Protein backbone atom coordinates (compact mmCIF):
# COMPACT_ATOMS: atom_id res chain seq x y z
CA MET A 1 -28.61 -17.03 1.71
CA THR A 2 -30.99 -14.61 3.21
CA SER A 3 -30.27 -11.44 4.18
CA GLN A 4 -31.25 -11.44 8.82
CA ALA A 5 -28.30 -12.24 10.41
CA SER A 6 -30.01 -13.84 13.14
CA GLN A 7 -30.74 -16.97 10.43
CA LEU A 8 -27.72 -17.40 8.74
CA THR A 9 -25.27 -20.32 10.65
CA LYS A 10 -21.82 -19.14 12.02
CA GLU A 11 -20.30 -19.89 8.50
CA GLU A 12 -22.75 -17.80 6.69
CA PHE A 13 -22.01 -15.01 9.42
CA LEU A 14 -18.79 -14.53 9.55
CA ALA A 15 -18.20 -15.26 5.60
CA LYS A 16 -21.01 -12.56 5.40
CA VAL A 17 -20.00 -9.55 8.13
CA GLY A 18 -16.60 -10.78 9.12
CA HIS A 19 -14.88 -8.27 6.59
CA VAL A 20 -16.83 -5.58 8.20
CA PHE A 21 -14.18 -4.81 10.90
CA GLU A 22 -10.61 -4.46 9.34
CA HIS A 23 -8.36 -7.39 8.67
CA SER A 24 -10.77 -7.98 12.10
CA PRO A 25 -12.59 -11.33 11.51
CA TRP A 26 -12.83 -11.89 15.40
CA VAL A 27 -15.27 -9.26 16.53
CA ALA A 28 -17.62 -11.09 14.56
CA GLU A 29 -16.54 -14.48 15.06
CA ALA A 30 -16.41 -13.26 19.18
CA ALA A 31 -20.41 -11.37 18.96
CA TRP A 32 -21.50 -15.22 17.20
CA ASP A 33 -20.10 -17.33 20.75
CA ARG A 34 -21.93 -14.49 22.49
CA GLY A 35 -25.12 -15.34 20.85
CA LEU A 36 -25.38 -11.66 20.49
CA VAL A 37 -26.24 -12.02 16.67
CA THR A 38 -29.27 -14.20 17.94
CA ASP A 39 -32.02 -11.16 17.63
CA ALA A 40 -29.76 -8.99 14.52
CA HIS A 41 -32.35 -8.54 12.57
CA THR A 42 -30.92 -5.74 10.72
CA ALA A 43 -27.58 -3.66 10.02
CA LEU A 44 -28.48 -1.66 13.02
CA GLY A 45 -28.72 -4.85 15.19
CA VAL A 46 -25.47 -6.54 14.17
CA HIS A 47 -23.88 -3.27 14.56
CA ARG A 48 -25.13 -3.52 18.30
CA ALA A 49 -23.19 -6.97 18.92
CA LEU A 50 -20.16 -6.73 16.91
CA CYS A 51 -19.81 -3.08 18.82
CA GLY A 52 -20.18 -5.53 21.97
CA ALA A 53 -17.75 -7.55 20.69
CA PHE A 54 -15.21 -4.76 19.70
CA ARG A 55 -15.55 -3.24 22.74
CA SER A 56 -16.10 -6.09 25.96
CA VAL A 57 -11.94 -6.72 24.82
CA SER A 58 -8.56 -4.83 25.97
CA PRO A 59 -7.38 -1.51 25.02
CA GLU A 60 -4.77 -3.49 23.78
CA ARG A 61 -6.69 -5.85 21.45
CA ARG A 62 -8.78 -2.90 19.81
CA MET A 63 -5.69 -1.59 18.97
CA GLN A 64 -4.64 -4.46 17.05
CA VAL A 65 -8.12 -3.67 15.01
CA LEU A 66 -6.82 0.37 15.15
CA ARG A 67 -3.47 -1.04 13.22
CA SER A 68 -4.80 -3.16 11.17
CA HIS A 69 -6.86 0.12 9.53
CA PRO A 70 -4.55 2.33 6.27
CA ASP A 71 -2.97 5.29 5.89
CA LEU A 72 -5.60 6.93 4.10
CA ALA A 73 -3.95 8.10 0.48
CA GLY A 74 -0.77 6.51 1.75
CA ARG A 75 2.03 3.99 -0.16
CA LEU A 76 -0.77 1.17 0.26
CA ALA A 77 -3.56 2.81 -1.94
CA LEU A 78 -0.47 4.29 -4.31
CA LEU A 79 0.16 0.02 -4.90
CA GLY A 80 -3.27 -0.68 -4.55
CA GLY A 81 -2.83 -2.91 -1.73
CA LEU A 82 -5.97 -2.00 0.27
CA THR A 83 -8.68 -3.89 0.65
CA ALA A 84 -11.17 -3.34 -2.02
CA HIS A 85 -13.76 -1.81 0.91
CA SER A 86 -10.90 0.63 1.79
CA ALA A 87 -10.55 1.42 -1.79
CA ALA A 88 -13.35 2.25 -2.72
CA GLU A 89 -14.18 4.23 0.13
CA GLN A 90 -10.64 6.68 -0.69
CA ALA A 91 -12.15 7.12 -3.40
CA ASP A 92 -15.17 7.99 -3.54
CA ALA A 93 -13.90 10.48 -1.18
CA GLY A 94 -11.24 12.02 -4.27
CA LEU A 95 -7.67 10.09 -1.68
CA ASP A 96 -6.97 8.18 -4.95
CA ALA A 97 -6.61 12.01 -7.03
CA CYS A 98 -4.94 13.60 -4.65
CA THR A 99 -2.07 16.06 -5.95
CA PRO A 100 1.24 15.93 -5.07
CA LYS A 101 1.21 18.40 -2.59
CA GLU A 102 -1.83 16.93 -0.53
CA LEU A 103 -0.14 13.44 -0.91
CA THR A 104 2.52 15.20 0.43
CA ARG A 105 0.80 16.41 3.03
CA PHE A 106 -0.59 12.62 4.02
CA ALA A 107 2.34 11.25 4.28
CA GLN A 108 3.56 13.77 6.24
CA LEU A 109 0.65 13.63 8.54
CA ASN A 110 0.21 10.13 8.61
CA ASP A 111 4.05 10.48 9.60
CA TYR A 112 3.67 12.25 12.42
CA TYR A 113 -0.37 10.76 13.73
CA THR A 114 1.52 7.03 13.76
CA ARG A 115 3.82 8.11 15.28
CA ARG A 116 2.43 9.74 17.99
CA PHE A 117 -0.12 7.51 18.56
CA GLY A 118 0.82 4.38 17.30
CA PHE A 119 -1.62 3.25 14.92
CA PRO A 120 -3.35 5.32 11.41
CA PHE A 121 -5.14 7.85 11.19
CA ILE A 122 -8.58 6.40 11.02
CA ILE A 123 -11.75 8.31 10.14
CA ALA A 124 -15.44 7.41 8.23
CA VAL A 125 -14.63 9.44 4.89
CA ARG A 126 -17.34 9.16 2.77
CA GLY A 127 -19.62 11.83 2.27
CA LYS A 128 -16.40 13.32 2.70
CA THR A 129 -13.99 15.12 0.69
CA ARG A 130 -10.52 15.12 0.51
CA ASN A 131 -10.60 18.83 2.49
CA GLN A 132 -12.88 18.08 4.65
CA ILE A 133 -10.56 14.75 5.73
CA LEU A 134 -6.89 17.43 5.54
CA SER A 135 -9.44 19.39 7.78
CA ILE A 136 -10.01 17.69 10.18
CA PHE A 137 -7.09 15.29 10.26
CA GLU A 138 -4.58 18.78 11.11
CA ASP A 139 -6.98 18.23 14.33
CA ARG A 140 -7.10 15.25 15.43
CA ALA A 141 -3.75 14.78 15.29
CA ALA A 142 -3.54 17.34 18.07
CA ASN A 143 -5.69 15.50 20.35
CA THR A 144 -4.66 13.77 23.52
CA PRO A 145 -3.40 10.19 23.19
CA GLU A 146 -6.04 8.77 24.90
CA ASP A 147 -8.91 11.04 23.90
CA GLU A 148 -7.85 10.06 19.96
CA PHE A 149 -7.41 5.98 20.74
CA GLU A 150 -11.75 6.50 21.26
CA ILE A 151 -12.31 8.61 18.62
CA ALA A 152 -10.93 5.53 16.21
CA CYS A 153 -12.53 3.45 17.89
CA ASP A 154 -15.91 5.27 16.72
CA GLU A 155 -15.08 5.68 13.39
CA VAL A 156 -13.77 1.93 13.62
CA GLU A 157 -17.69 1.43 14.65
CA ARG A 158 -19.37 4.10 12.09
CA ILE A 159 -17.32 2.19 8.85
CA ALA A 160 -19.04 -1.12 10.40
CA LEU A 161 -21.56 -0.04 10.28
CA LEU A 162 -22.21 2.11 7.01
CA ARG A 163 -20.66 -0.88 5.84
CA LEU A 164 -22.68 -2.97 7.41
CA LYS A 165 -25.93 -0.65 6.21
CA ASP A 166 -24.17 -1.50 1.84
CA ILE A 167 -24.77 -4.95 2.52
CA LEU A 168 -27.24 -5.94 4.99
CA PRO A 169 -31.63 -4.68 5.90
């Protein structure tokens, strides 16, 4: 299969990049259906197409994407229920090696944040440490719901770009 997304069939494209927005293959399908991938020869080009599709839908539809993300160092992670990408990303940030105190703090923040905003805390963890992530988590928990929704959408797009760069030139 070619690495240039624009030369793939729809089925090949969806199989290759449909997973980069967590549990939301509809984003890739919408980008394809809108013809946004015809000039997408690189990860950045495909990313632009996918983000265009993601941003073109209602806030409620984007909220569904946010809600499909797992809690950081949460129950799903502890039970081994994350997607392979999420598990690897959290492990790379050391979230699979939290101390009991850190796990307790993540659980407290996850519960508070989800109650406050209606979706889990989302951050592109690649290149960050547990302590950095906890600090950012605590800071963002004080944001307004409107600001945090936009930040979370930006983070979802950042995660998608990092995943695309792993699979496309």
